[in-house]
Amino acid sequence: MVLKYFYSMINYRSFFCMALISCTTTFQVSAESKTYRWVDSEGKVYYSDNVPPSKSKLERQVLSDTGRVIGVIQAAKTKEQIALEQRLKTLRKEQEKIIAKQKSNDKVLLSTFRNIDDLRMTLNGKLQAVDAQRRVHERTLENLKEDLVIVRKKAANAERNGRKVSKKMLDEMVSIEDKISLTYADINKTIETKKAIKKKFDNDIERFLFFTKASNVNVQELSDERAEIKAASTLGLFNCKDKKSCKQAWEAAKQFVIKNSTTPINFNTDSLIMGNDPQQFTDISLSASRSTRANNKVSIFLDIRCHNSTLGQEFCRSEKVENMRHEFRPYIENTLKN
């Protein structure tokens, strides 16, 4: 009997311990249970410890037992947002390339030339080389025109004498005319080359004067700053200086998007404003997003989308769209001044 009682006590204690563990586990689950708060597309607010699958993609707040927000679960990203993020990554890489290239050019500029006269002398030498090339093309053009006159006279004489113009003679005229067209193109190319060289050297001269005339300023820092400005102008981005101005800049960026986008806005948050997909090849869908860079500085990027067609992509390369990129940063800067 004593032994039987002993075993029954063991079983009782085991049962009691199991029950206690079960109770403790239940208490822990209850203590760790979470309440979620979310707002649907119609603006209705919901509270629940169980989020329905149909609402799982919405942004929701995690609440404590006292109703305090202890966490935020971001909304699932749309295909458009994911595509935009990919384009922004490309823009950032392009920004880094432009900045690196400009800084390299500045280094070469300051180490190669001693003064403005050196720069102008080099410029004149390059322009004279292009002019010499153009004169060669012009002499070639004169010779071709003379050859064409001779062949045409032969053809005219043959017709006056009642003879049929030979195929060889016709082919020769076509060949000379083609060469004349190509030579005109070569001449135009030298004209454009000359303009590009002069434009580059004008910029180099301006930068050289800026660097050499700046007093008590670190030239490397100036180069870095100017390189970022060039990248911003080329790509369409604005680099914030501080939190206050960045908030104003973001509002200006949103106004720029609303004003210039030909498609309705379908996404507007504290960090992203996005237009609908372009429906026609003349549509311009603008997006602006702000993100923090590695150095904790905030940049506002402009993204431009055109219709997914040959005409749409050609329109995206047009001067109108290019000018829009260049206008983005000055638009924000002018807004901050007012």
Foldseek 3Di string as FASTA:
>chain_A
DVVVVVVVVVVVVVVVVVVVVVVVVVVVCVQPQWWKWFADPVGDIDIDSDDDPVCVQGKIFTAHPVRDGPDIDHGHDDPVRVVVVVVVVVLVVVLVVLLVVLLVVLVCLPVPDDAVVVLVVVLVVVLVVLVVVLVVLVVVLVVLVVVLVVLVVVCVVCVVVVHHDDPVSVVVNVVSVVVNVVSVVVNVVSVVVNVVSVVVSVVSNVLVCVLVVDPPDDSSVVSSVVSSVVSQLQFQKAWDDDDVLVQLLVVLLLVLQCVPFPADWDDDDSFKTWGDAEDDLLGKIKMWGWDADPVRIIMIGIDIAGHPDPSNVVNCPDPVVRVSSNVRHVSSVVSSVD
